[in-house]
Amino acid sequence: MTQTTNLEISNLNELINERINELEMKLIFQDDLLNTLNDIVTRQDKEIMKLWDANRLIKQSMQDIRSGSKDEAVDTPPPHY
């Protein structure tokens, strides 16, 4: 009976070791995925900030154009005068 018990314990230990190895592999893949996703989010955040800056510059340019055209309309008499 001792041999049977030792064999069962040995099989159980082997199963536990296999399961631990599987879990370690899953953890490695998840850690890699997390790092990859973090890199993507960081890059996208930088891209979003650049787009916000570009949008702000476009809005400012549009306001400058509108202001300039209003000033010209007031200062310049129509061509028929």
N, C-alpha and C. Protein backbone atom coordinates (compact mmCIF):
# COMPACT_ATOMS: atom_id res chain seq x y z
N MET A 1 0.82 -1.19 0.00
CA MET A 1 0.00 0.00 0.00
C MET A 1 0.87 1.26 0.00
N THR A 2 2.01 1.19 0.55
CA THR A 2 2.91 2.32 0.57
C THR A 2 3.38 2.66 -0.83
N GLN A 3 3.64 1.66 -1.64
CA GLN A 3 4.06 1.93 -3.02
C GLN A 3 2.95 2.60 -3.81
N THR A 4 1.72 2.16 -3.59
CA THR A 4 0.59 2.76 -4.28
C THR A 4 0.42 4.22 -3.85
N THR A 5 0.56 4.46 -2.60
CA THR A 5 0.43 5.82 -2.08
C THR A 5 1.55 6.70 -2.63
N ASN A 6 2.76 6.19 -2.65
CA ASN A 6 3.89 6.95 -3.21
C ASN A 6 3.68 7.23 -4.69
N LEU A 7 3.14 6.25 -5.41
CA LEU A 7 2.87 6.44 -6.83
C LEU A 7 1.79 7.50 -7.04
N GLU A 8 0.76 7.45 -6.20
CA GLU A 8 -0.31 8.45 -6.30
C GLU A 8 0.22 9.84 -5.98
N ILE A 9 1.06 9.93 -4.98
CA ILE A 9 1.65 11.23 -4.62
C ILE A 9 2.55 11.72 -5.74
N SER A 10 3.30 10.82 -6.32
CA SER A 10 4.18 11.19 -7.43
C SER A 10 3.37 11.68 -8.62
N ASN A 11 2.28 10.99 -8.94
CA ASN A 11 1.40 11.41 -10.04
C ASN A 11 0.76 12.76 -9.72
N LEU A 12 0.34 12.92 -8.49
CA LEU A 12 -0.27 14.18 -8.08
C LEU A 12 0.73 15.33 -8.18
N ASN A 13 1.95 15.08 -7.73
CA ASN A 13 2.99 16.10 -7.84
C ASN A 13 3.27 16.46 -9.30
N GLU A 14 3.28 15.47 -10.15
CA GLU A 14 3.51 15.71 -11.58
C GLU A 14 2.38 16.55 -12.17
N LEU A 15 1.15 16.23 -11.81
CA LEU A 15 0.00 16.99 -12.30
C LEU A 15 0.06 18.44 -11.79
N ILE A 16 0.42 18.60 -10.54
CA ILE A 16 0.52 19.94 -9.97
C ILE A 16 1.61 20.73 -10.68
N ASN A 17 2.75 20.12 -10.92
CA ASN A 17 3.84 20.78 -11.63
C ASN A 17 3.45 21.18 -13.05
N GLU A 18 2.72 20.31 -13.74
CA GLU A 18 2.25 20.63 -15.09
C GLU A 18 1.29 21.82 -15.04
N ARG A 19 0.40 21.80 -14.06
CA ARG A 19 -0.56 22.90 -13.93
C ARG A 19 0.16 24.21 -13.61
N ILE A 20 1.15 24.17 -12.74
CA ILE A 20 1.92 25.36 -12.41
C ILE A 20 2.63 25.89 -13.66
N ASN A 21 3.21 24.98 -14.45
CA ASN A 21 3.88 25.39 -15.69
C ASN A 21 2.90 26.05 -16.66
N GLU A 22 1.71 25.48 -16.78
CA GLU A 22 0.69 26.06 -17.66
C GLU A 22 0.31 27.47 -17.18
N LEU A 23 0.12 27.61 -15.88
CA LEU A 23 -0.25 28.92 -15.32
C LEU A 23 0.89 29.93 -15.50
N GLU A 24 2.12 29.50 -15.34
CA GLU A 24 3.25 30.40 -15.56
C GLU A 24 3.31 30.87 -17.01
N MET A 25 3.05 29.97 -17.94
CA MET A 25 3.06 30.34 -19.36
C MET A 25 1.94 31.34 -19.65
N LYS A 26 0.76 31.10 -19.11
CA LYS A 26 -0.34 32.04 -19.29
C LYS A 26 0.00 33.40 -18.71
N LEU A 27 0.64 33.41 -17.56
CA LEU A 27 1.03 34.67 -16.92
C LEU A 27 2.05 35.42 -17.78
N ILE A 28 2.99 34.70 -18.36
CA ILE A 28 3.99 35.33 -19.23
C ILE A 28 3.31 35.97 -20.44
N PHE A 29 2.37 35.24 -21.07
CA PHE A 29 1.66 35.78 -22.23
C PHE A 29 0.81 36.99 -21.83
N GLN A 30 0.14 36.91 -20.69
CA GLN A 30 -0.69 38.03 -20.24
C GLN A 30 0.17 39.25 -19.92
N ASP A 31 1.32 39.03 -19.33
CA ASP A 31 2.23 40.13 -19.02
C ASP A 31 2.72 40.79 -20.30
N ASP A 32 3.05 39.98 -21.30
CA ASP A 32 3.48 40.52 -22.58
C ASP A 32 2.35 41.30 -23.25
N LEU A 33 1.15 40.75 -23.20
CA LEU A 33 -0.01 41.44 -23.78
C LEU A 33 -0.26 42.77 -23.07
N LEU A 34 -0.16 42.77 -21.76
CA LEU A 34 -0.36 43.99 -20.99
C LEU A 34 0.67 45.05 -21.38
N ASN A 35 1.92 44.65 -21.53
CA ASN A 35 2.96 45.60 -21.94
C ASN A 35 2.71 46.14 -23.34
N THR A 36 2.28 45.27 -24.24
CA THR A 36 1.98 45.68 -25.61
C THR A 36 0.82 46.67 -25.62
N LEU A 37 -0.24 46.37 -24.89
CA LEU A 37 -1.39 47.27 -24.82
C LEU A 37 -1.03 48.60 -24.17
N ASN A 38 -0.18 48.56 -23.17
CA ASN A 38 0.27 49.79 -22.53
C ASN A 38 1.04 50.65 -23.53
N ASP A 39 1.90 50.04 -24.33
CA ASP A 39 2.64 50.78 -25.35
C ASP A 39 1.69 51.42 -26.37
N ILE A 40 0.67 50.66 -26.76
CA ILE A 40 -0.31 51.17 -27.74
C ILE A 40 -1.07 52.35 -27.15
N VAL A 41 -1.52 52.22 -25.91
CA VAL A 41 -2.27 53.31 -25.28
C VAL A 41 -1.40 54.55 -25.14
N THR A 42 -0.14 54.37 -24.77
CA THR A 42 0.78 55.50 -24.64
C THR A 42 0.97 56.20 -25.98
N ARG A 43 1.16 55.41 -27.05
CA ARG A 43 1.33 56.00 -28.38
C ARG A 43 0.07 56.72 -28.82
N GLN A 44 -1.09 56.11 -28.58
CA GLN A 44 -2.34 56.76 -28.97
C GLN A 44 -2.57 58.04 -28.17
N ASP A 45 -2.18 58.06 -26.92
CA ASP A 45 -2.32 59.28 -26.12
C ASP A 45 -1.50 60.41 -26.72
N LYS A 46 -0.28 60.10 -27.14
CA LYS A 46 0.57 61.10 -27.78
C LYS A 46 -0.05 61.59 -29.09
N GLU A 47 -0.59 60.66 -29.87
CA GLU A 47 -1.23 61.03 -31.13
C GLU A 47 -2.46 61.91 -30.89
N ILE A 48 -3.23 61.59 -29.87
CA ILE A 48 -4.41 62.40 -29.54
C ILE A 48 -4.00 63.80 -29.14
N MET A 49 -2.94 63.91 -28.35
CA MET A 49 -2.46 65.24 -27.94
C MET A 49 -2.02 66.06 -29.16
N LYS A 50 -1.34 65.41 -30.11
CA LYS A 50 -0.94 66.11 -31.34
C LYS A 50 -2.16 66.57 -32.12
N LEU A 51 -3.18 65.72 -32.19
CA LEU A 51 -4.40 66.09 -32.91
C LEU A 51 -5.11 67.26 -32.22
N TRP A 52 -5.14 67.27 -30.90
CA TRP A 52 -5.73 68.40 -30.17
C TRP A 52 -4.97 69.68 -30.47
N ASP A 53 -3.65 69.59 -30.49
CA ASP A 53 -2.84 70.78 -30.81
C ASP A 53 -3.13 71.26 -32.23
N ALA A 54 -3.20 70.32 -33.18
CA ALA A 54 -3.49 70.68 -34.57
C ALA A 54 -4.87 71.31 -34.67
N ASN A 55 -5.83 70.77 -33.97
CA ASN A 55 -7.19 71.31 -33.98
C ASN A 55 -7.20 72.73 -33.41
N ARG A 56 -6.48 72.94 -32.34
CA ARG A 56 -6.40 74.27 -31.75
C ARG A 56 -5.78 75.27 -32.73
N LEU A 57 -4.72 74.84 -33.43
CA LEU A 57 -4.09 75.73 -34.40
C LEU A 57 -5.03 76.04 -35.57
N ILE A 58 -5.78 75.06 -36.01
CA ILE A 58 -6.73 75.27 -37.10
C ILE A 58 -7.82 76.26 -36.67
N LYS A 59 -8.32 76.07 -35.45
CA LYS A 59 -9.35 76.99 -34.95
C LYS A 59 -8.80 78.41 -34.86
N GLN A 60 -7.56 78.53 -34.37
CA GLN A 60 -6.95 79.86 -34.27
C GLN A 60 -6.77 80.47 -35.64
N SER A 61 -6.35 79.67 -36.62
CA SER A 61 -6.19 80.18 -37.99
C SER A 61 -7.52 80.63 -38.56
N MET A 62 -8.57 79.86 -38.30
CA MET A 62 -9.89 80.25 -38.80
C MET A 62 -10.35 81.56 -38.16
N GLN A 63 -10.09 81.72 -36.87
CA GLN A 63 -10.46 82.98 -36.20
C GLN A 63 -9.67 84.14 -36.77
N ASP A 64 -8.38 83.92 -37.04
CA ASP A 64 -7.55 84.97 -37.63
C ASP A 64 -8.06 85.36 -39.02
N ILE A 65 -8.45 84.35 -39.80
CA ILE A 65 -8.97 84.62 -41.15
C ILE A 65 -10.27 85.41 -41.06
N ARG A 66 -11.15 85.01 -40.15
CA ARG A 66 -12.43 85.71 -39.99
C ARG A 66 -12.19 87.14 -39.53
N SER A 67 -11.29 87.31 -38.59
CA SER A 67 -10.99 88.66 -38.10
C SER A 67 -10.39 89.51 -39.21
N GLY A 68 -9.51 88.95 -39.99
CA GLY A 68 -8.88 89.67 -41.09
C GLY A 68 -9.88 90.06 -42.15
N SER A 69 -10.80 89.19 -42.48
CA SER A 69 -11.77 89.51 -43.52
C SER A 69 -12.77 90.57 -43.03
N LYS A 70 -13.08 90.59 -41.76
CA LYS A 70 -13.97 91.62 -41.22
C LYS A 70 -13.28 92.98 -41.24
N ASP A 71 -12.01 93.02 -40.90
CA ASP A 71 -11.26 94.28 -40.92
C ASP A 71 -11.16 94.83 -42.34
N GLU A 72 -10.92 93.96 -43.31
CA GLU A 72 -10.81 94.40 -44.70
C GLU A 72 -12.14 94.92 -45.22
N ALA A 73 -13.24 94.28 -44.81
CA ALA A 73 -14.57 94.69 -45.26
C ALA A 73 -14.91 96.08 -44.73
N VAL A 74 -14.47 96.41 -43.55
CA VAL A 74 -14.77 97.71 -42.96
C VAL A 74 -13.88 98.79 -43.56
N ASP A 75 -12.60 98.49 -43.76
CA ASP A 75 -11.64 99.49 -44.23
C ASP A 75 -11.70 99.74 -45.73
N THR A 76 -12.04 98.78 -46.50
CA THR A 76 -12.01 98.91 -47.95
C THR A 76 -13.39 99.27 -48.48
N PRO A 77 -13.49 100.37 -49.19
CA PRO A 77 -14.80 100.72 -49.77
C PRO A 77 -15.07 99.80 -50.97
N PRO A 78 -16.32 99.62 -51.28
CA PRO A 78 -16.67 98.79 -52.43
C PRO A 78 -16.06 99.37 -53.71
N PRO A 79 -15.83 98.55 -54.73
CA PRO A 79 -15.17 99.00 -55.95
C PRO A 79 -15.94 100.03 -56.76
N HIS A 80 -17.25 100.15 -56.62
CA HIS A 80 -18.03 101.08 -57.43
C HIS A 80 -17.97 102.51 -56.91
N TYR A 81 -17.30 102.79 -55.80
CA TYR A 81 -17.19 104.18 -55.32
C TYR A 81 -15.98 104.84 -55.86
